[in-house]
Structure formats: C-alpha cells, structure tokens
Amino acid sequence: MIIYGEGTPPRVSNIADTAVSNSAGEAMFNLNYMRKAGQAGVAVLNISANKNIPGSSPLAGSDIIKVVEQTTNSETVFVQN
C-alpha cells in the first residue's frame, strides 16, 4: 500500500510512504512527524493499493484520506480487477 501527497505549485508535496498489509489486509502508517503545533489539519493523501495473485490478473484500488491531528484516521480501499 502506498500513501502520497499531491501538491500544487508552489506547494509541492514530498509526503510518500509505503507499507505491507497484515493478514487482515490492514496497513498502518504513523504520520505524527507531519504535524506542527497550531496546525488545523495535517494532510489529504492519496492511497494506492494492489495485490498480485499468481496466475491471475493483479488487483488494484485507490482512494483518498483526510488526516486529522490527534485522531486515529482510517480509510477502506477495495482492490479489484
């Protein structure tokens, strides 16, 4: 699973991270480093997920997530072909 930001000039985002999902299909990211004191939000990030199945077409899905400070944020991404 990949999360990444897409900025618009002049504020181009350099946020990008990857994680492998666990047996329940969950991937966790710690984005605490992004928060600054007094900030009223953290980021809106793109999520891209894929699953390769031997002998089959790969599955893929995408979505966005709004990351809010001091909250556990979650988003469900369905992977399909």
PDB file of N, CA and C in Angstrom:
ATOM      1  N   MET A   1       0.844  -1.147   0.000  1.00  0.00           N
ATOM      2  CA  MET A   1       0.000   0.000   0.000  1.00  0.00           C
ATOM      3  C   MET A   1       0.904   1.228   0.000  1.00  0.00           C
ATOM      4  N   ILE A   2       0.506   2.220  -0.728  1.00  0.00           N
ATOM      5  CA  ILE A   2       1.284   3.454  -0.836  1.00  0.00           C
ATOM      6  C   ILE A   2       0.374   4.627  -0.476  1.00  0.00           C
ATOM      7  N   ILE A   3       0.880   5.548   0.329  1.00  0.00           N
ATOM      8  CA  ILE A   3       0.188   6.817   0.534  1.00  0.00           C
ATOM      9  C   ILE A   3       1.112   7.915   0.026  1.00  0.00           C
ATOM     10  N   TYR A   4       0.534   8.930  -0.580  1.00  0.00           N
ATOM     11  CA  TYR A   4       1.364  10.017  -1.100  1.00  0.00           C
ATOM     12  C   TYR A   4       0.526  11.278  -1.242  1.00  0.00           C
ATOM     13  N   GLY A   5       1.210  12.393  -1.130  1.00  0.00           N
ATOM     14  CA  GLY A   5       0.568  13.685  -1.303  1.00  0.00           C
ATOM     15  C   GLY A   5       0.800  14.193  -2.705  1.00  0.00           C
ATOM     16  N   GLU A   6      -0.132  14.997  -3.176  1.00  0.00           N
ATOM     17  CA  GLU A   6      -0.009  15.627  -4.482  1.00  0.00           C
ATOM     18  C   GLU A   6      -0.206  17.112  -4.290  1.00  0.00           C
ATOM     19  N   GLY A   7       0.867  17.852  -4.301  1.00  0.00           N
ATOM     20  CA  GLY A   7       0.773  19.287  -4.099  1.00  0.00           C
ATOM     21  C   GLY A   7       0.554  20.024  -5.398  1.00  0.00           C
ATOM     22  N   THR A   8       0.181  21.260  -5.264  1.00  0.00           N
ATOM     23  CA  THR A   8       0.066  22.122  -6.432  1.00  0.00           C
ATOM     24  C   THR A   8       1.094  23.232  -6.277  1.00  0.00           C
ATOM     25  N   PRO A   9       1.743  23.619  -7.342  1.00  0.00           N
ATOM     26  CA  PRO A   9       2.756  24.667  -7.229  1.00  0.00           C
ATOM     27  C   PRO A   9       2.167  25.919  -6.612  1.00  0.00           C
ATOM     28  N   PRO A  10       2.855  26.637  -5.777  1.00  0.00           N
ATOM     29  CA  PRO A  10       4.245  26.427  -5.393  1.00  0.00           C
ATOM     30  C   PRO A  10       4.424  25.455  -4.236  1.00  0.00           C
ATOM     31  N   ARG A  11       3.349  24.844  -3.713  1.00  0.00           N
ATOM     32  CA  ARG A  11       3.445  23.940  -2.564  1.00  0.00           C
ATOM     33  C   ARG A  11       3.417  22.503  -3.049  1.00  0.00           C
ATOM     34  N   VAL A  12       4.526  21.994  -3.510  1.00  0.00           N
ATOM     35  CA  VAL A  12       4.600  20.618  -3.984  1.00  0.00           C
ATOM     36  C   VAL A  12       4.852  19.712  -2.792  1.00  0.00           C
ATOM     37  N   SER A  13       4.065  18.651  -2.672  1.00  0.00           N
ATOM     38  CA  SER A  13       4.149  17.748  -1.531  1.00  0.00           C
ATOM     39  C   SER A  13       5.307  16.768  -1.686  1.00  0.00           C
ATOM     40  N   ASN A  14       5.969  16.495  -0.585  1.00  0.00           N
ATOM     41  CA  ASN A  14       7.016  15.486  -0.594  1.00  0.00           C
ATOM     42  C   ASN A  14       6.659  14.341   0.348  1.00  0.00           C
ATOM     43  N   ILE A  15       5.378  14.165   0.626  1.00  0.00           N
ATOM     44  CA  ILE A  15       4.910  13.111   1.509  1.00  0.00           C
ATOM     45  C   ILE A  15       4.725  11.838   0.696  1.00  0.00           C
ATOM     46  N   ALA A  16       5.378  10.766   1.116  1.00  0.00           N
ATOM     47  CA  ALA A  16       5.210   9.459   0.484  1.00  0.00           C
ATOM     48  C   ALA A  16       5.662   8.397   1.469  1.00  0.00           C
ATOM     49  N   ASP A  17       4.921   7.306   1.550  1.00  0.00           N
ATOM     50  CA  ASP A  17       5.277   6.215   2.444  1.00  0.00           C
ATOM     51  C   ASP A  17       4.654   4.939   1.898  1.00  0.00           C
ATOM     52  N   THR A  18       5.225   3.792   2.231  1.00  0.00           N
ATOM     53  CA  THR A  18       4.688   2.508   1.811  1.00  0.00           C
ATOM     54  C   THR A  18       4.598   1.582   3.011  1.00  0.00           C
ATOM     55  N   ALA A  19       3.689   0.621   2.943  1.00  0.00           N
ATOM     56  CA  ALA A  19       3.553  -0.397   3.983  1.00  0.00           C
ATOM     57  C   ALA A  19       2.952  -1.644   3.361  1.00  0.00           C
ATOM     58  N   VAL A  20       3.285  -2.779   3.938  1.00  0.00           N
ATOM     59  CA  VAL A  20       2.716  -4.054   3.523  1.00  0.00           C
ATOM     60  C   VAL A  20       1.580  -4.369   4.487  1.00  0.00           C
ATOM     61  N   SER A  21       0.467  -4.837   3.953  1.00  0.00           N
ATOM     62  CA  SER A  21      -0.676  -5.132   4.815  1.00  0.00           C
ATOM     63  C   SER A  21      -0.446  -6.409   5.614  1.00  0.00           C
ATOM     64  N   ASN A  22      -1.132  -6.498   6.756  1.00  0.00           N
ATOM     65  CA  ASN A  22      -1.050  -7.692   7.590  1.00  0.00           C
ATOM     66  C   ASN A  22      -2.045  -8.736   7.081  1.00  0.00           C
ATOM     67  N   SER A  23      -2.202  -9.845   7.810  1.00  0.00           N
ATOM     68  CA  SER A  23      -3.090 -10.928   7.368  1.00  0.00           C
ATOM     69  C   SER A  23      -4.555 -10.492   7.302  1.00  0.00           C
ATOM     70  N   ALA A  24      -4.923  -9.432   8.009  1.00  0.00           N
ATOM     71  CA  ALA A  24      -6.284  -8.897   7.964  1.00  0.00           C
ATOM     72  C   ALA A  24      -6.457  -7.875   6.841  1.00  0.00           C
ATOM     73  N   GLY A  25      -5.385  -7.613   6.081  1.00  0.00           N
ATOM     74  CA  GLY A  25      -5.447  -6.649   4.991  1.00  0.00           C
ATOM     75  C   GLY A  25      -5.276  -5.214   5.427  1.00  0.00           C
ATOM     76  N   GLU A  26      -4.781  -5.001   6.653  1.00  0.00           N
ATOM     77  CA  GLU A  26      -4.610  -3.649   7.186  1.00  0.00           C
ATOM     78  C   GLU A  26      -3.163  -3.197   7.047  1.00  0.00           C
ATOM     79  N   ALA A  27      -2.981  -1.968   6.631  1.00  0.00           N
ATOM     80  CA  ALA A  27      -1.655  -1.354   6.590  1.00  0.00           C
ATOM     81  C   ALA A  27      -1.706  -0.133   7.498  1.00  0.00           C
ATOM     82  N   MET A  28      -0.683   0.042   8.309  1.00  0.00           N
ATOM     83  CA  MET A  28      -0.661   1.143   9.267  1.00  0.00           C
ATOM     84  C   MET A  28       0.478   2.101   8.938  1.00  0.00           C
ATOM     85  N   PHE A  29       0.194   3.393   9.094  1.00  0.00           N
ATOM     86  CA  PHE A  29       1.180   4.439   8.867  1.00  0.00           C
ATOM     87  C   PHE A  29       1.182   5.366  10.070  1.00  0.00           C
ATOM     88  N   ASN A  30       2.351   5.774  10.528  1.00  0.00           N
ATOM     89  CA  ASN A  30       2.465   6.748  11.606  1.00  0.00           C
ATOM     90  C   ASN A  30       2.890   8.071  10.976  1.00  0.00           C
ATOM     91  N   LEU A  31       1.984   9.037  10.993  1.00  0.00           N
ATOM     92  CA  LEU A  31       2.249  10.332  10.358  1.00  0.00           C
ATOM     93  C   LEU A  31       2.413  11.448  11.381  1.00  0.00           C
ATOM     94  N   ASN A  32       2.715  11.103  12.629  1.00  0.00           N
ATOM     95  CA  ASN A  32       2.878  12.109  13.680  1.00  0.00           C
ATOM     96  C   ASN A  32       3.947  13.138  13.337  1.00  0.00           C
ATOM     97  N   TYR A  33       4.962  12.736  12.598  1.00  0.00           N
ATOM     98  CA  TYR A  33       6.056  13.655  12.252  1.00  0.00           C
ATOM     99  C   TYR A  33       5.585  14.815  11.383  1.00  0.00           C
ATOM    100  N   MET A  34       4.433  14.665  10.736  1.00  0.00           N
ATOM    101  CA  MET A  34       3.945  15.705   9.827  1.00  0.00           C
ATOM    102  C   MET A  34       3.265  16.858  10.553  1.00  0.00           C
ATOM    103  N   ARG A  35       2.801  16.615  11.763  1.00  0.00           N
ATOM    104  CA  ARG A  35       2.008  17.626  12.465  1.00  0.00           C
ATOM    105  C   ARG A  35       2.879  18.717  13.071  1.00  0.00           C
ATOM    106  N   LYS A  36       2.406  19.938  12.958  1.00  0.00           N
ATOM    107  CA  LYS A  36       3.082  21.083  13.571  1.00  0.00           C
ATOM    108  C   LYS A  36       2.111  21.723  14.567  1.00  0.00           C
ATOM    109  N   ALA A  37       2.639  22.232  15.654  1.00  0.00           N
ATOM    110  CA  ALA A  37       1.803  22.854  16.689  1.00  0.00           C
ATOM    111  C   ALA A  37       0.934  23.955  16.085  1.00  0.00           C
ATOM    112  N   GLY A  38      -0.346  23.984  16.473  1.00  0.00           N
ATOM    113  CA  GLY A  38      -1.262  25.002  15.987  1.00  0.00           C
ATOM    114  C   GLY A  38      -1.863  24.715  14.631  1.00  0.00           C
ATOM    115  N   GLN A  39      -1.457  23.639  14.015  1.00  0.00           N
ATOM    116  CA  GLN A  39      -1.935  23.286  12.690  1.00  0.00           C
ATOM    117  C   GLN A  39      -3.385  22.797  12.775  1.00  0.00           C
ATOM    118  N   ALA A  40      -4.246  23.216  11.869  1.00  0.00           N
ATOM    119  CA  ALA A  40      -5.665  22.871  11.907  1.00  0.00           C
ATOM    120  C   ALA A  40      -5.996  21.649  11.071  1.00  0.00           C
ATOM    121  N   GLY A  41      -5.055  20.923  10.654  1.00  0.00           N
ATOM    122  CA  GLY A  41      -5.237  19.710   9.855  1.00  0.00           C
ATOM    123  C   GLY A  41      -3.870  19.229   9.466  1.00  0.00           C
ATOM    124  N   VAL A  42      -3.768  18.037   9.009  1.00  0.00           N
ATOM    125  CA  VAL A  42      -2.444  17.515   8.676  1.00  0.00           C
ATOM    126  C   VAL A  42      -2.275  17.415   7.167  1.00  0.00           C
ATOM    127  N   ALA A  43      -3.121  16.623   6.508  1.00  0.00           N
ATOM    128  CA  ALA A  43      -2.950  16.436   5.067  1.00  0.00           C
ATOM    129  C   ALA A  43      -4.148  15.706   4.478  1.00  0.00           C
ATOM    130  N   VAL A  44      -4.297  15.806   3.181  1.00  0.00           N
ATOM    131  CA  VAL A  44      -5.185  14.943   2.411  1.00  0.00           C
ATOM    132  C   VAL A  44      -4.260  14.155   1.502  1.00  0.00           C
ATOM    133  N   LEU A  45      -4.295  12.832   1.650  1.00  0.00           N
ATOM    134  CA  LEU A  45      -3.346  11.982   0.938  1.00  0.00           C
ATOM    135  C   LEU A  45      -4.059  11.001   0.020  1.00  0.00           C
ATOM    136  N   ASN A  46      -3.388  10.636  -1.046  1.00  0.00           N
ATOM    137  CA  ASN A  46      -3.856   9.595  -1.957  1.00  0.00           C
ATOM    138  C   ASN A  46      -3.424   8.244  -1.406  1.00  0.00           C
ATOM    139  N   ILE A  47      -4.270   7.240  -1.584  1.00  0.00           N
ATOM    140  CA  ILE A  47      -3.947   5.873  -1.195  1.00  0.00           C
ATOM    141  C   ILE A  47      -4.003   5.016  -2.453  1.00  0.00           C
ATOM    142  N   SER A  48      -2.992   4.198  -2.648  1.00  0.00           N
ATOM    143  CA  SER A  48      -2.957   3.270  -3.769  1.00  0.00           C
ATOM    144  C   SER A  48      -2.635   1.890  -3.216  1.00  0.00           C
ATOM    145  N   ALA A  49      -3.463   0.910  -3.530  1.00  0.00           N
ATOM    146  CA  ALA A  49      -3.245  -0.450  -3.034  1.00  0.00           C
ATOM    147  C   ALA A  49      -3.299  -1.429  -4.193  1.00  0.00           C
ATOM    148  N   ASN A  50      -2.480  -2.471  -4.114  1.00  0.00           N
ATOM    149  CA  ASN A  50      -2.534  -3.519  -5.137  1.00  0.00           C
ATOM    150  C   ASN A  50      -2.198  -4.858  -4.517  1.00  0.00           C
ATOM    151  N   LYS A  51      -2.668  -5.905  -5.161  1.00  0.00           N
ATOM    152  CA  LYS A  51      -2.407  -7.269  -4.717  1.00  0.00           C
ATOM    153  C   LYS A  51      -2.128  -8.106  -5.952  1.00  0.00           C
ATOM    154  N   ASN A  52      -0.976  -8.752  -5.946  1.00  0.00           N
ATOM    155  CA  ASN A  52      -0.615  -9.646  -7.039  1.00  0.00           C
ATOM    156  C   ASN A  52      -0.976 -11.074  -6.642  1.00  0.00           C
ATOM    157  N   ILE A  53      -1.734 -11.746  -7.511  1.00  0.00           N
ATOM    158  CA  ILE A  53      -2.139 -13.120  -7.273  1.00  0.00           C
ATOM    159  C   ILE A  53      -1.534 -13.966  -8.387  1.00  0.00           C
ATOM    160  N   PRO A  54      -0.645 -14.907  -8.037  1.00  0.00           N
ATOM    161  CA  PRO A  54      -0.019 -15.740  -9.065  1.00  0.00           C
ATOM    162  C   PRO A  54      -1.064 -16.411  -9.964  1.00  0.00           C
ATOM    163  N   GLY A  55      -0.847 -16.333 -11.272  1.00  0.00           N
ATOM    164  CA  GLY A  55      -1.745 -16.944 -12.240  1.00  0.00           C
ATOM    165  C   GLY A  55      -3.022 -16.171 -12.484  1.00  0.00           C
ATOM    166  N   SER A  56      -3.099 -14.962 -11.964  1.00  0.00           N
ATOM    167  CA  SER A  56      -4.315 -14.155 -12.092  1.00  0.00           C
ATOM    168  C   SER A  56      -3.936 -12.712 -12.396  1.00  0.00           C
ATOM    169  N   SER A  57      -4.901 -11.940 -12.805  1.00  0.00           N
ATOM    170  CA  SER A  57      -4.654 -10.514 -13.025  1.00  0.00           C
ATOM    171  C   SER A  57      -4.461  -9.822 -11.682  1.00  0.00           C
ATOM    172  N   PRO A  58      -3.564  -8.839 -11.617  1.00  0.00           N
ATOM    173  CA  PRO A  58      -3.384  -8.111 -10.355  1.00  0.00           C
ATOM    174  C   PRO A  58      -4.636  -7.316 -10.001  1.00  0.00           C
ATOM    175  N   LEU A  59      -4.855  -7.143  -8.713  1.00  0.00           N
ATOM    176  CA  LEU A  59      -5.971  -6.363  -8.210  1.00  0.00           C
ATOM    177  C   LEU A  59      -5.455  -4.996  -7.781  1.00  0.00           C
ATOM    178  N   ALA A  60      -6.253  -3.951  -7.966  1.00  0.00           N
ATOM    179  CA  ALA A  60      -5.812  -2.610  -7.592  1.00  0.00           C
ATOM    180  C   ALA A  60      -6.995  -1.787  -7.107  1.00  0.00           C
ATOM    181  N   GLY A  61      -6.694  -0.811  -6.266  1.00  0.00           N
ATOM    182  CA  GLY A  61      -7.711   0.103  -5.779  1.00  0.00           C
ATOM    183  C   GLY A  61      -7.067   1.388  -5.304  1.00  0.00           C
ATOM    184  N   SER A  62      -7.847   2.449  -5.206  1.00  0.00           N
ATOM    185  CA  SER A  62      -7.305   3.723  -4.736  1.00  0.00           C
ATOM    186  C   SER A  62      -8.415   4.526  -4.065  1.00  0.00           C
ATOM    187  N   ASP A  63      -8.002   5.477  -3.258  1.00  0.00           N
ATOM    188  CA  ASP A  63      -8.931   6.355  -2.549  1.00  0.00           C
ATOM    189  C   ASP A  63      -8.120   7.519  -2.001  1.00  0.00           C
ATOM    190  N   ILE A  64      -8.762   8.406  -1.262  1.00  0.00           N
ATOM    191  CA  ILE A  64      -8.046   9.476  -0.566  1.00  0.00           C
ATOM    192  C   ILE A  64      -8.412   9.414   0.908  1.00  0.00           C
ATOM    193  N   ILE A  65      -7.558   9.975   1.742  1.00  0.00           N
ATOM    194  CA  ILE A  65      -7.820  10.045   3.171  1.00  0.00           C
ATOM    195  C   ILE A  65      -7.456  11.433   3.672  1.00  0.00           C
ATOM    196  N   LYS A  66      -8.324  11.990   4.482  1.00  0.00           N
ATOM    197  CA  LYS A  66      -8.039  13.259   5.144  1.00  0.00           C
ATOM    198  C   LYS A  66      -7.468  12.917   6.513  1.00  0.00           C
ATOM    199  N   VAL A  67      -6.232  13.306   6.754  1.00  0.00           N
ATOM    200  CA  VAL A  67      -5.556  13.018   8.011  1.00  0.00           C
ATOM    201  C   VAL A  67      -5.792  14.181   8.959  1.00  0.00           C
ATOM    202  N   VAL A  68      -6.451  13.889  10.079  1.00  0.00           N
ATOM    203  CA  VAL A  68      -6.786  14.888  11.086  1.00  0.00           C
ATOM    204  C   VAL A  68      -5.896  14.669  12.296  1.00  0.00           C
ATOM    205  N   GLU A  69      -5.422  15.760  12.892  1.00  0.00           N
ATOM    206  CA  GLU A  69      -4.499  15.658  14.029  1.00  0.00           C
ATOM    207  C   GLU A  69      -5.162  15.027  15.245  1.00  0.00           C
ATOM    208  N   GLN A  70      -4.367  14.356  16.048  1.00  0.00           N
ATOM    209  CA  GLN A  70      -4.747  13.759  17.325  1.00  0.00           C
ATOM    210  C   GLN A  70      -5.947  12.828  17.207  1.00  0.00           C
ATOM    211  N   THR A  71      -6.048  12.130  16.105  1.00  0.00           N
ATOM    212  CA  THR A  71      -7.133  11.192  15.845  1.00  0.00           C
ATOM    213  C   THR A  71      -6.572   9.999  15.094  1.00  0.00           C
ATOM    214  N   THR A  72      -7.127   8.820  15.364  1.00  0.00           N
ATOM    215  CA  THR A  72      -6.790   7.668  14.541  1.00  0.00           C
ATOM    216  C   THR A  72      -7.651   7.763  13.286  1.00  0.00           C
ATOM    217  N   ASN A  73      -7.017   7.916  12.142  1.00  0.00           N
ATOM    218  CA  ASN A  73      -7.708   8.067  10.876  1.00  0.00           C
ATOM    219  C   ASN A  73      -7.685   6.730  10.139  1.00  0.00           C
ATOM    220  N   SER A  74      -8.789   6.382   9.490  1.00  0.00           N
ATOM    221  CA  SER A  74      -8.792   5.129   8.738  1.00  0.00           C
ATOM    222  C   SER A  74      -9.585   5.310   7.446  1.00  0.00           C
ATOM    223  N   GLU A  75      -9.264   4.494   6.478  1.00  0.00           N
ATOM    224  CA  GLU A  75      -9.945   4.503   5.206  1.00  0.00           C
ATOM    225  C   GLU A  75      -9.914   3.084   4.661  1.00  0.00           C
ATOM    226  N   THR A  76     -10.994   2.645   4.028  1.00  0.00           N
ATOM    227  CA  THR A  76     -11.061   1.320   3.425  1.00  0.00           C
ATOM    228  C   THR A  76     -10.868   1.469   1.924  1.00  0.00           C
ATOM    229  N   VAL A  77      -9.949   0.682   1.375  1.00  0.00           N
ATOM    230  CA  VAL A  77      -9.700   0.672  -0.069  1.00  0.00           C
ATOM    231  C   VAL A  77     -10.019  -0.739  -0.566  1.00  0.00           C
ATOM    232  N   PHE A  78     -10.907  -0.848  -1.523  1.00  0.00           N
ATOM    233  CA  PHE A  78     -11.249  -2.141  -2.104  1.00  0.00           C
ATOM    234  C   PHE A  78     -10.359  -2.380  -3.309  1.00  0.00           C
ATOM    235  N   VAL A  79      -9.730  -3.551  -3.362  1.00  0.00           N
ATOM    236  CA  VAL A  79      -8.886  -3.911  -4.504  1.00  0.00           C
ATOM    237  C   VAL A  79      -9.671  -4.893  -5.360  1.00  0.00           C
ATOM    238  N   GLN A  80      -9.726  -4.595  -6.645  1.00  0.00           N
ATOM    239  CA  GLN A  80     -10.461  -5.440  -7.580  1.00  0.00           C
ATOM    240  C   GLN A  80      -9.867  -5.278  -8.969  1.00  0.00           C
ATOM    241  N   ASN A  81     -10.237  -6.173  -9.879  1.00  0.00           N
ATOM    242  CA  ASN A  81      -9.738  -6.041 -11.251  1.00  0.00           C
ATOM    243  C   ASN A  81     -10.813  -5.545 -12.151  1.00  0.00           C
TER     244      ASN A  81
END
